[in-house]
Amino acid sequence: MEIKPQAVVIPKEADHLEQGKYGPVFPRTPACYGFTVIAKVKPGRAEAIRNYGHALAKALEADPDLLAPLKLHYLRWVLFDDDTRFMYQGIFDTDFDKYTEDAIALFTKSGVSTAFENLEGFPEDWRTNPEAFIRFVREHQCPSFIEYGEYPYVTSDEIKKALRIKRALSEMLDQLQ
């Protein structure tokens, strides 16, 4: 199986896209699915966002599978413009609707809050009002116009499986020596 890097240009207009439960379903790209949200930080709340990052990292140390239901590849959080704006970037294996529903369910079940609570306009009732949560994300989403994958269309589960096979082969070869 040859793996060839690929890029896909995503059209600016979303009118022609299939409509999901909460709006257009952006196509799966060589980088899988994902979105970028940029929003204003509530005044004085940038440190709370940083602290939330530390709390999330600590929660993942205790339970490395905490975010597993989200089928994430990567998350990137950035505070910028003197800590007045926040960027959330996520790459994952499911479409937007499933990812956001799974995120709400995960955070509600685990009792974990979201860094988004520190952003202007984020709904206070997000746990019980998924439509409001999704509306906020959609309103603050900055869609990409090109996405590239060095190993295109590969899921996080496939990557983990390949790494387990690699480890098992390495162990087997080490035992033969």
N, C-alpha and C. Protein backbone atom coordinates (compact mmCIF):
# COMPACT_ATOMS: atom_id res chain seq x y z
N MET A 1 0.85 -1.18 0.00
CA MET A 1 0.00 0.00 0.00
C MET A 1 0.89 1.24 0.00
N GLU A 2 0.76 2.02 -1.03
CA GLU A 2 1.54 3.25 -1.13
C GLU A 2 0.76 4.39 -0.49
N ILE A 3 1.43 5.14 0.34
CA ILE A 3 0.80 6.29 0.99
C ILE A 3 1.35 7.54 0.31
N LYS A 4 0.46 8.28 -0.35
CA LYS A 4 0.85 9.49 -1.06
C LYS A 4 0.20 10.70 -0.39
N PRO A 5 1.01 11.67 0.00
CA PRO A 5 0.44 12.89 0.57
C PRO A 5 -0.58 13.51 -0.38
N GLN A 6 -1.61 14.12 0.20
CA GLN A 6 -2.67 14.75 -0.59
C GLN A 6 -3.12 16.05 0.05
N ALA A 7 -3.65 16.92 -0.78
CA ALA A 7 -4.28 18.15 -0.31
C ALA A 7 -5.63 18.30 -1.00
N VAL A 8 -6.57 18.92 -0.30
CA VAL A 8 -7.88 19.18 -0.85
C VAL A 8 -8.21 20.65 -0.58
N VAL A 9 -8.68 21.33 -1.62
CA VAL A 9 -9.15 22.70 -1.48
C VAL A 9 -10.63 22.64 -1.12
N ILE A 10 -10.99 23.38 -0.10
CA ILE A 10 -12.37 23.39 0.37
C ILE A 10 -13.02 24.69 -0.14
N PRO A 11 -14.14 24.57 -0.86
CA PRO A 11 -14.77 25.78 -1.41
C PRO A 11 -15.25 26.73 -0.31
N LYS A 12 -15.22 28.01 -0.62
CA LYS A 12 -15.65 29.03 0.35
C LYS A 12 -17.14 28.91 0.66
N GLU A 13 -17.92 28.67 -0.36
CA GLU A 13 -19.38 28.56 -0.17
C GLU A 13 -19.75 27.16 0.29
N ALA A 14 -20.62 27.09 1.29
CA ALA A 14 -21.02 25.80 1.84
C ALA A 14 -22.44 25.43 1.44
N ASP A 15 -23.06 26.22 0.57
CA ASP A 15 -24.46 25.98 0.19
C ASP A 15 -24.69 24.60 -0.44
N HIS A 16 -23.70 24.11 -1.17
CA HIS A 16 -23.85 22.84 -1.89
C HIS A 16 -23.58 21.62 -1.01
N LEU A 17 -23.08 21.86 0.20
CA LEU A 17 -22.72 20.74 1.07
C LEU A 17 -23.96 20.09 1.68
N GLU A 18 -23.84 18.80 1.95
CA GLU A 18 -24.89 18.07 2.64
C GLU A 18 -25.17 18.76 3.97
N GLN A 19 -26.42 18.82 4.35
CA GLN A 19 -26.80 19.43 5.61
C GLN A 19 -26.93 18.36 6.69
N GLY A 20 -26.23 18.58 7.77
CA GLY A 20 -26.33 17.68 8.91
C GLY A 20 -27.36 18.22 9.88
N LYS A 21 -27.39 17.67 11.05
CA LYS A 21 -28.36 18.07 12.07
C LYS A 21 -28.18 19.54 12.46
N TYR A 22 -26.91 20.02 12.44
CA TYR A 22 -26.61 21.37 12.92
C TYR A 22 -26.03 22.30 11.86
N GLY A 23 -26.14 21.94 10.60
CA GLY A 23 -25.61 22.80 9.55
C GLY A 23 -24.83 21.99 8.53
N PRO A 24 -24.05 22.67 7.69
CA PRO A 24 -23.35 21.96 6.62
C PRO A 24 -22.34 20.95 7.17
N VAL A 25 -22.26 19.82 6.49
CA VAL A 25 -21.27 18.80 6.84
C VAL A 25 -20.09 19.02 5.90
N PHE A 26 -19.02 19.55 6.48
CA PHE A 26 -17.83 19.77 5.67
C PHE A 26 -17.22 18.43 5.32
N PRO A 27 -16.63 18.33 4.14
CA PRO A 27 -16.12 17.02 3.69
C PRO A 27 -14.93 16.55 4.51
N ARG A 28 -14.80 15.24 4.57
CA ARG A 28 -13.60 14.65 5.15
C ARG A 28 -12.46 14.98 4.21
N THR A 29 -11.36 15.39 4.76
CA THR A 29 -10.21 15.78 3.95
C THR A 29 -9.05 14.84 4.24
N PRO A 30 -7.92 14.99 3.56
CA PRO A 30 -6.76 14.16 3.89
C PRO A 30 -6.34 14.30 5.36
N ALA A 31 -6.73 15.39 6.00
CA ALA A 31 -6.43 15.58 7.43
C ALA A 31 -7.59 15.12 8.30
N CYS A 32 -8.53 14.38 7.75
CA CYS A 32 -9.75 13.91 8.41
C CYS A 32 -10.73 15.06 8.56
N TYR A 33 -11.36 15.21 9.73
CA TYR A 33 -12.29 16.31 9.98
C TYR A 33 -11.65 17.24 11.00
N GLY A 34 -12.22 18.41 11.13
CA GLY A 34 -11.71 19.33 12.13
C GLY A 34 -12.37 20.68 12.02
N PHE A 35 -12.06 21.52 12.98
CA PHE A 35 -12.52 22.90 12.90
C PHE A 35 -11.62 23.80 13.73
N THR A 36 -11.69 25.07 13.39
CA THR A 36 -10.97 26.12 14.11
C THR A 36 -12.00 27.12 14.59
N VAL A 37 -11.97 27.42 15.88
CA VAL A 37 -12.85 28.40 16.48
C VAL A 37 -11.99 29.54 17.00
N ILE A 38 -12.38 30.76 16.67
CA ILE A 38 -11.69 31.94 17.21
C ILE A 38 -12.76 32.80 17.86
N ALA A 39 -12.53 33.16 19.13
CA ALA A 39 -13.52 33.95 19.87
C ALA A 39 -12.80 34.88 20.84
N LYS A 40 -13.55 35.90 21.28
CA LYS A 40 -13.03 36.84 22.26
C LYS A 40 -13.07 36.21 23.65
N VAL A 41 -12.02 36.48 24.41
CA VAL A 41 -11.93 36.01 25.79
C VAL A 41 -12.65 37.02 26.68
N LYS A 42 -13.43 36.52 27.63
CA LYS A 42 -14.04 37.42 28.60
C LYS A 42 -12.93 38.17 29.33
N PRO A 43 -13.10 39.45 29.59
CA PRO A 43 -12.04 40.22 30.25
C PRO A 43 -11.57 39.54 31.54
N GLY A 44 -10.25 39.42 31.67
CA GLY A 44 -9.66 38.84 32.87
C GLY A 44 -9.72 37.32 32.94
N ARG A 45 -10.13 36.63 31.90
CA ARG A 45 -10.32 35.18 31.95
C ARG A 45 -9.22 34.38 31.24
N ALA A 46 -8.22 35.04 30.69
CA ALA A 46 -7.16 34.31 29.98
C ALA A 46 -6.43 33.34 30.91
N GLU A 47 -6.18 33.76 32.13
CA GLU A 47 -5.47 32.87 33.07
C GLU A 47 -6.32 31.65 33.41
N ALA A 48 -7.64 31.83 33.46
CA ALA A 48 -8.54 30.69 33.70
C ALA A 48 -8.44 29.69 32.56
N ILE A 49 -8.29 30.18 31.33
CA ILE A 49 -8.13 29.28 30.18
C ILE A 49 -6.81 28.52 30.30
N ARG A 50 -5.75 29.22 30.65
CA ARG A 50 -4.46 28.53 30.85
C ARG A 50 -4.56 27.49 31.96
N ASN A 51 -5.22 27.86 33.06
CA ASN A 51 -5.38 26.92 34.17
C ASN A 51 -6.21 25.72 33.74
N TYR A 52 -7.22 25.96 32.90
CA TYR A 52 -8.02 24.85 32.40
C TYR A 52 -7.13 23.89 31.59
N GLY A 53 -6.22 24.45 30.80
CA GLY A 53 -5.28 23.62 30.05
C GLY A 53 -4.46 22.72 30.98
N HIS A 54 -3.99 23.30 32.09
CA HIS A 54 -3.24 22.50 33.08
C HIS A 54 -4.12 21.42 33.69
N ALA A 55 -5.36 21.78 34.00
CA ALA A 55 -6.29 20.81 34.60
C ALA A 55 -6.60 19.67 33.62
N LEU A 56 -6.76 20.01 32.35
CA LEU A 56 -7.03 18.98 31.35
C LEU A 56 -5.83 18.05 31.21
N ALA A 57 -4.63 18.62 31.17
CA ALA A 57 -3.42 17.79 31.08
C ALA A 57 -3.32 16.85 32.29
N LYS A 58 -3.64 17.36 33.47
CA LYS A 58 -3.60 16.53 34.69
C LYS A 58 -4.67 15.43 34.63
N ALA A 59 -5.85 15.77 34.16
CA ALA A 59 -6.92 14.77 34.03
C ALA A 59 -6.52 13.67 33.06
N LEU A 60 -5.79 14.04 32.00
CA LEU A 60 -5.34 13.04 31.03
C LEU A 60 -4.22 12.16 31.60
N GLU A 61 -3.43 12.70 32.52
CA GLU A 61 -2.44 11.86 33.20
C GLU A 61 -3.14 10.78 34.01
N ALA A 62 -4.22 11.16 34.68
CA ALA A 62 -4.97 10.21 35.51
C ALA A 62 -5.77 9.23 34.65
N ASP A 63 -6.28 9.71 33.53
CA ASP A 63 -7.09 8.86 32.65
C ASP A 63 -6.73 9.19 31.20
N PRO A 64 -5.71 8.51 30.64
CA PRO A 64 -5.29 8.82 29.28
C PRO A 64 -6.38 8.63 28.23
N ASP A 65 -7.42 7.89 28.55
CA ASP A 65 -8.51 7.67 27.59
C ASP A 65 -9.68 8.62 27.78
N LEU A 66 -9.50 9.64 28.59
CA LEU A 66 -10.58 10.58 28.89
C LEU A 66 -11.22 11.15 27.62
N LEU A 67 -10.40 11.56 26.66
CA LEU A 67 -10.92 12.18 25.44
C LEU A 67 -11.08 11.19 24.29
N ALA A 68 -10.87 9.90 24.54
CA ALA A 68 -10.93 8.87 23.49
C ALA A 68 -12.24 8.90 22.69
N PRO A 69 -13.40 9.14 23.32
CA PRO A 69 -14.64 9.14 22.53
C PRO A 69 -14.64 10.19 21.41
N LEU A 70 -13.79 11.20 21.52
CA LEU A 70 -13.78 12.27 20.52
C LEU A 70 -12.98 11.90 19.27
N LYS A 71 -12.25 10.79 19.32
CA LYS A 71 -11.47 10.33 18.15
C LYS A 71 -10.54 11.42 17.64
N LEU A 72 -9.87 12.08 18.57
CA LEU A 72 -8.99 13.19 18.24
C LEU A 72 -7.65 12.74 17.66
N HIS A 73 -7.13 13.55 16.78
CA HIS A 73 -5.74 13.45 16.35
C HIS A 73 -4.94 14.50 17.12
N TYR A 74 -5.42 15.72 17.06
CA TYR A 74 -4.71 16.84 17.68
C TYR A 74 -5.69 17.88 18.19
N LEU A 75 -5.25 18.58 19.23
CA LEU A 75 -5.91 19.80 19.68
C LEU A 75 -4.82 20.86 19.80
N ARG A 76 -5.17 22.08 19.48
CA ARG A 76 -4.25 23.20 19.67
C ARG A 76 -5.06 24.37 20.18
N TRP A 77 -4.60 24.93 21.31
CA TRP A 77 -5.22 26.10 21.89
C TRP A 77 -4.22 27.25 21.85
N VAL A 78 -4.67 28.41 21.46
CA VAL A 78 -3.79 29.57 21.37
C VAL A 78 -4.52 30.79 21.93
N LEU A 79 -3.86 31.49 22.86
CA LEU A 79 -4.31 32.81 23.29
C LEU A 79 -3.46 33.82 22.54
N PHE A 80 -4.10 34.84 21.96
CA PHE A 80 -3.32 35.82 21.20
C PHE A 80 -3.96 37.20 21.32
N ASP A 81 -3.36 38.17 20.66
CA ASP A 81 -3.77 39.58 20.77
C ASP A 81 -3.84 39.99 22.24
N ASP A 82 -2.70 39.86 22.92
CA ASP A 82 -2.59 40.21 24.34
C ASP A 82 -3.63 39.48 25.19
N ASP A 83 -3.83 38.21 24.89
CA ASP A 83 -4.75 37.35 25.64
C ASP A 83 -6.21 37.78 25.54
N THR A 84 -6.57 38.48 24.48
CA THR A 84 -7.96 38.91 24.32
C THR A 84 -8.74 37.98 23.38
N ARG A 85 -8.03 37.12 22.65
CA ARG A 85 -8.70 36.19 21.74
C ARG A 85 -8.11 34.79 21.92
N PHE A 86 -8.96 33.82 21.63
CA PHE A 86 -8.62 32.40 21.84
C PHE A 86 -8.90 31.65 20.55
N MET A 87 -7.98 30.75 20.20
CA MET A 87 -8.18 29.89 19.05
C MET A 87 -8.16 28.44 19.53
N TYR A 88 -9.18 27.70 19.14
CA TYR A 88 -9.28 26.27 19.41
C TYR A 88 -9.23 25.59 18.05
N GLN A 89 -8.29 24.69 17.91
CA GLN A 89 -8.17 23.95 16.67
C GLN A 89 -8.17 22.47 17.00
N GLY A 90 -9.07 21.73 16.39
CA GLY A 90 -9.16 20.30 16.62
C GLY A 90 -9.22 19.55 15.31
N ILE A 91 -8.52 18.42 15.25
CA ILE A 91 -8.55 17.51 14.11
C ILE A 91 -9.01 16.16 14.67
N PHE A 92 -10.02 15.57 14.03
CA PHE A 92 -10.63 14.36 14.58
C PHE A 92 -11.22 13.52 13.46
N ASP A 93 -11.71 12.33 13.80
CA ASP A 93 -12.16 11.35 12.81
C ASP A 93 -13.64 11.38 12.49
N THR A 94 -14.43 12.10 13.26
CA THR A 94 -15.87 12.11 13.03
C THR A 94 -16.30 13.44 12.44
N ASP A 95 -17.51 13.51 11.93
CA ASP A 95 -17.97 14.80 11.41
C ASP A 95 -18.29 15.76 12.56
N PHE A 96 -18.53 17.00 12.19
CA PHE A 96 -18.75 18.08 13.15
C PHE A 96 -19.88 17.75 14.13
N ASP A 97 -21.02 17.32 13.60
CA ASP A 97 -22.17 17.06 14.47
C ASP A 97 -21.84 16.01 15.53
N LYS A 98 -21.25 14.90 15.11
CA LYS A 98 -20.93 13.83 16.06
C LYS A 98 -19.89 14.31 17.07
N TYR A 99 -18.86 15.00 16.60
CA TYR A 99 -17.82 15.48 17.50
C TYR A 99 -18.40 16.37 18.59
N THR A 100 -19.23 17.34 18.21
CA THR A 100 -19.76 18.26 19.20
C THR A 100 -20.75 17.56 20.14
N GLU A 101 -21.57 16.68 19.63
CA GLU A 101 -22.47 15.92 20.51
C GLU A 101 -21.67 15.05 21.48
N ASP A 102 -20.63 14.39 20.97
CA ASP A 102 -19.79 13.55 21.83
C ASP A 102 -19.06 14.39 22.88
N ALA A 103 -18.61 15.59 22.50
CA ALA A 103 -17.91 16.47 23.45
C ALA A 103 -18.85 16.89 24.57
N ILE A 104 -20.06 17.28 24.23
CA ILE A 104 -21.03 17.68 25.26
C ILE A 104 -21.32 16.51 26.19
N ALA A 105 -21.57 15.33 25.62
CA ALA A 105 -21.85 14.15 26.43
C ALA A 105 -20.67 13.80 27.33
N LEU A 106 -19.48 13.86 26.78
CA LEU A 106 -18.27 13.52 27.55
C LEU A 106 -18.08 14.48 28.73
N PHE A 107 -18.18 15.78 28.45
CA PHE A 107 -17.96 16.76 29.52
C PHE A 107 -19.07 16.70 30.56
N THR A 108 -20.29 16.46 30.13
CA THR A 108 -21.40 16.35 31.07
C THR A 108 -21.23 15.12 31.95
N LYS A 109 -20.89 13.97 31.34
CA LYS A 109 -20.73 12.72 32.09
C LYS A 109 -19.57 12.80 33.07
N SER A 110 -18.46 13.39 32.63
CA SER A 110 -17.26 13.42 33.48
C SER A 110 -17.28 14.56 34.48
N GLY A 111 -18.22 15.49 34.31
CA GLY A 111 -18.28 16.64 35.20
C GLY A 111 -17.22 17.69 34.89
N VAL A 112 -16.53 17.51 33.79
CA VAL A 112 -15.49 18.45 33.39
C VAL A 112 -16.15 19.61 32.67
N SER A 113 -15.65 20.80 32.93
CA SER A 113 -16.18 21.97 32.23
C SER A 113 -15.41 22.14 30.92
N THR A 114 -15.64 23.24 30.25
CA THR A 114 -14.95 23.51 29.00
C THR A 114 -14.29 24.89 29.08
N ALA A 115 -13.14 25.03 28.45
CA ALA A 115 -12.46 26.32 28.39
C ALA A 115 -13.34 27.36 27.72
N PHE A 116 -14.27 26.91 26.90
CA PHE A 116 -15.16 27.83 26.19
C PHE A 116 -16.01 28.68 27.15
N GLU A 117 -16.19 28.21 28.39
CA GLU A 117 -16.96 28.98 29.36
C GLU A 117 -16.33 30.35 29.62
N ASN A 118 -15.08 30.51 29.24
CA ASN A 118 -14.36 31.77 29.43
C ASN A 118 -14.40 32.66 28.20
N LEU A 119 -15.23 32.32 27.25
CA LEU A 119 -15.32 33.08 26.00
C LEU A 119 -16.62 33.88 25.94
N GLU A 120 -16.53 35.08 25.39
CA GLU A 120 -17.70 35.94 25.26
C GLU A 120 -18.76 35.27 24.39
N GLY A 121 -19.98 35.28 24.87
CA GLY A 121 -21.10 34.76 24.10
C GLY A 121 -21.32 33.26 24.23
N PHE A 122 -20.47 32.57 24.99
CA PHE A 122 -20.66 31.13 25.14
C PHE A 122 -21.87 30.88 26.04
N PRO A 123 -22.79 30.00 25.63
CA PRO A 123 -24.03 29.81 26.39
C PRO A 123 -23.79 29.14 27.75
N GLU A 124 -24.39 29.72 28.77
CA GLU A 124 -24.25 29.15 30.11
C GLU A 124 -24.93 27.80 30.24
N ASP A 125 -25.95 27.55 29.41
CA ASP A 125 -26.70 26.30 29.49
C ASP A 125 -26.19 25.26 28.48
N TRP A 126 -24.92 25.32 28.13
CA TRP A 126 -24.36 24.46 27.08
C TRP A 126 -24.53 22.97 27.37
N ARG A 127 -24.52 22.58 28.63
CA ARG A 127 -24.64 21.15 28.96
C ARG A 127 -26.02 20.58 28.61
N THR A 128 -27.04 21.41 28.71
CA THR A 128 -28.40 20.95 28.45
C THR A 128 -28.96 21.49 27.14
N ASN A 129 -28.19 22.32 26.48
CA ASN A 129 -28.66 22.94 25.25
C ASN A 129 -27.61 22.78 24.15
N PRO A 130 -27.49 21.56 23.59
CA PRO A 130 -26.46 21.33 22.58
C PRO A 130 -26.59 22.25 21.37
N GLU A 131 -27.83 22.65 21.06
CA GLU A 131 -28.01 23.54 19.91
C GLU A 131 -27.31 24.87 20.14
N ALA A 132 -27.38 25.40 21.36
CA ALA A 132 -26.71 26.66 21.68
C ALA A 132 -25.19 26.50 21.62
N PHE A 133 -24.69 25.39 22.13
CA PHE A 133 -23.26 25.10 22.08
C PHE A 133 -22.80 25.07 20.62
N ILE A 134 -23.53 24.34 19.81
CA ILE A 134 -23.16 24.17 18.41
C ILE A 134 -23.31 25.48 17.65
N ARG A 135 -24.33 26.25 17.96
CA ARG A 135 -24.50 27.56 17.32
C ARG A 135 -23.30 28.46 17.61
N PHE A 136 -22.83 28.45 18.88
CA PHE A 136 -21.65 29.24 19.24
C PHE A 136 -20.44 28.80 18.41
N VAL A 137 -20.21 27.49 18.34
CA VAL A 137 -19.06 26.99 17.59
C VAL A 137 -19.19 27.36 16.12
N ARG A 138 -20.35 27.16 15.54
CA ARG A 138 -20.55 27.50 14.12
C ARG A 138 -20.34 29.00 13.86
N GLU A 139 -20.84 29.84 14.78
CA GLU A 139 -20.71 31.28 14.59
C GLU A 139 -19.26 31.75 14.70
N HIS A 140 -18.45 30.98 15.41
CA HIS A 140 -17.05 31.37 15.62
C HIS A 140 -16.07 30.51 14.83
N GLN A 141 -16.60 29.63 14.02
CA GLN A 141 -15.75 28.75 13.22
C GLN A 141 -15.13 29.53 12.07
N CYS A 142 -13.86 29.28 11.83
CA CYS A 142 -13.13 29.85 10.69
C CYS A 142 -12.72 28.68 9.81
N PRO A 143 -13.53 28.34 8.82
CA PRO A 143 -13.23 27.17 8.00
C PRO A 143 -11.92 27.31 7.24
N SER A 144 -11.22 26.21 7.12
CA SER A 144 -10.00 26.22 6.33
C SER A 144 -10.36 26.18 4.86
N PHE A 145 -9.42 26.57 4.01
CA PHE A 145 -9.69 26.51 2.58
C PHE A 145 -8.80 25.50 1.87
N ILE A 146 -7.82 24.98 2.60
CA ILE A 146 -7.03 23.85 2.08
C ILE A 146 -6.58 23.03 3.28
N GLU A 147 -6.59 21.73 3.09
CA GLU A 147 -6.09 20.83 4.13
C GLU A 147 -5.21 19.78 3.48
N TYR A 148 -4.14 19.46 4.17
CA TYR A 148 -3.10 18.56 3.67
C TYR A 148 -2.92 17.43 4.65
N GLY A 149 -2.66 16.25 4.11
CA GLY A 149 -2.34 15.10 4.95
C GLY A 149 -1.13 14.38 4.41
N GLU A 150 -0.12 14.23 5.24
CA GLU A 150 1.08 13.47 4.86
C GLU A 150 0.71 11.99 4.73
N TYR A 151 -0.19 11.54 5.58
CA TYR A 151 -0.75 10.19 5.51
C TYR A 151 -2.27 10.38 5.44
N PRO A 152 -2.80 10.62 4.23
CA PRO A 152 -4.18 11.05 4.06
C PRO A 152 -5.24 10.02 4.45
N TYR A 153 -6.30 10.56 5.02
CA TYR A 153 -7.52 9.80 5.34
C TYR A 153 -7.28 8.65 6.32
N VAL A 154 -6.24 8.73 7.12
CA VAL A 154 -5.94 7.68 8.09
C VAL A 154 -6.54 8.09 9.44
N THR A 155 -7.28 7.19 10.06
CA THR A 155 -7.92 7.49 11.34
C THR A 155 -6.94 7.33 12.49
N SER A 156 -7.30 7.92 13.61
CA SER A 156 -6.46 7.78 14.80
C SER A 156 -6.38 6.32 15.25
N ASP A 157 -7.48 5.57 15.10
CA ASP A 157 -7.45 4.14 15.45
C ASP A 157 -6.48 3.36 14.56
N GLU A 158 -6.46 3.68 13.26
CA GLU A 158 -5.52 3.01 12.35
C GLU A 158 -4.07 3.33 12.70
N ILE A 159 -3.81 4.56 13.09
CA ILE A 159 -2.45 4.96 13.49
C ILE A 159 -2.04 4.20 14.74
N LYS A 160 -2.92 4.14 15.73
CA LYS A 160 -2.61 3.41 16.96
C LYS A 160 -2.37 1.93 16.68
N LYS A 161 -3.19 1.34 15.81
CA LYS A 161 -3.02 -0.07 15.45
C LYS A 161 -1.66 -0.29 14.78
N ALA A 162 -1.30 0.58 13.86
CA ALA A 162 -0.01 0.44 13.18
C ALA A 162 1.14 0.55 14.17
N LEU A 163 1.02 1.45 15.14
CA LEU A 163 2.08 1.59 16.14
C LEU A 163 2.16 0.38 17.06
N ARG A 164 1.01 -0.24 17.38
CA ARG A 164 1.03 -1.47 18.19
C ARG A 164 1.70 -2.60 17.42
N ILE A 165 1.40 -2.70 16.13
CA ILE A 165 2.03 -3.74 15.29
C ILE A 165 3.54 -3.49 15.22
N LYS A 166 3.94 -2.25 15.04
CA LYS A 166 5.36 -1.91 14.99
C LYS A 166 6.06 -2.32 16.29
N ARG A 167 5.44 -2.00 17.43
CA ARG A 167 6.02 -2.35 18.72
C ARG A 167 6.13 -3.86 18.87
N ALA A 168 5.08 -4.58 18.47
CA ALA A 168 5.10 -6.04 18.58
C ALA A 168 6.20 -6.63 17.69
N LEU A 169 6.35 -6.13 16.48
CA LEU A 169 7.41 -6.62 15.60
C LEU A 169 8.79 -6.32 16.17
N SER A 170 8.96 -5.13 16.73
CA SER A 170 10.24 -4.78 17.34
C SER A 170 10.58 -5.71 18.50
N GLU A 171 9.57 -6.00 19.33
CA GLU A 171 9.78 -6.90 20.46
C GLU A 171 10.13 -8.30 19.97
N MET A 172 9.44 -8.74 18.93
CA MET A 172 9.72 -10.07 18.38
C MET A 172 11.15 -10.12 17.82
N LEU A 173 11.54 -9.10 17.10
CA LEU A 173 12.91 -9.07 16.54
C LEU A 173 13.95 -8.99 17.64
N ASP A 174 13.66 -8.24 18.71
CA ASP A 174 14.59 -8.18 19.83
C ASP A 174 14.78 -9.53 20.48
N GLN A 175 13.71 -10.33 20.55
CA GLN A 175 13.79 -11.66 21.17
C GLN A 175 14.57 -12.64 20.31
N LEU A 176 14.61 -12.41 19.01
CA LEU A 176 15.34 -13.29 18.10
C LEU A 176 16.85 -13.07 18.18
N GLN A 177 17.26 -11.96 18.71
CA GLN A 177 18.70 -11.66 18.77
C GLN A 177 19.38 -12.33 19.91
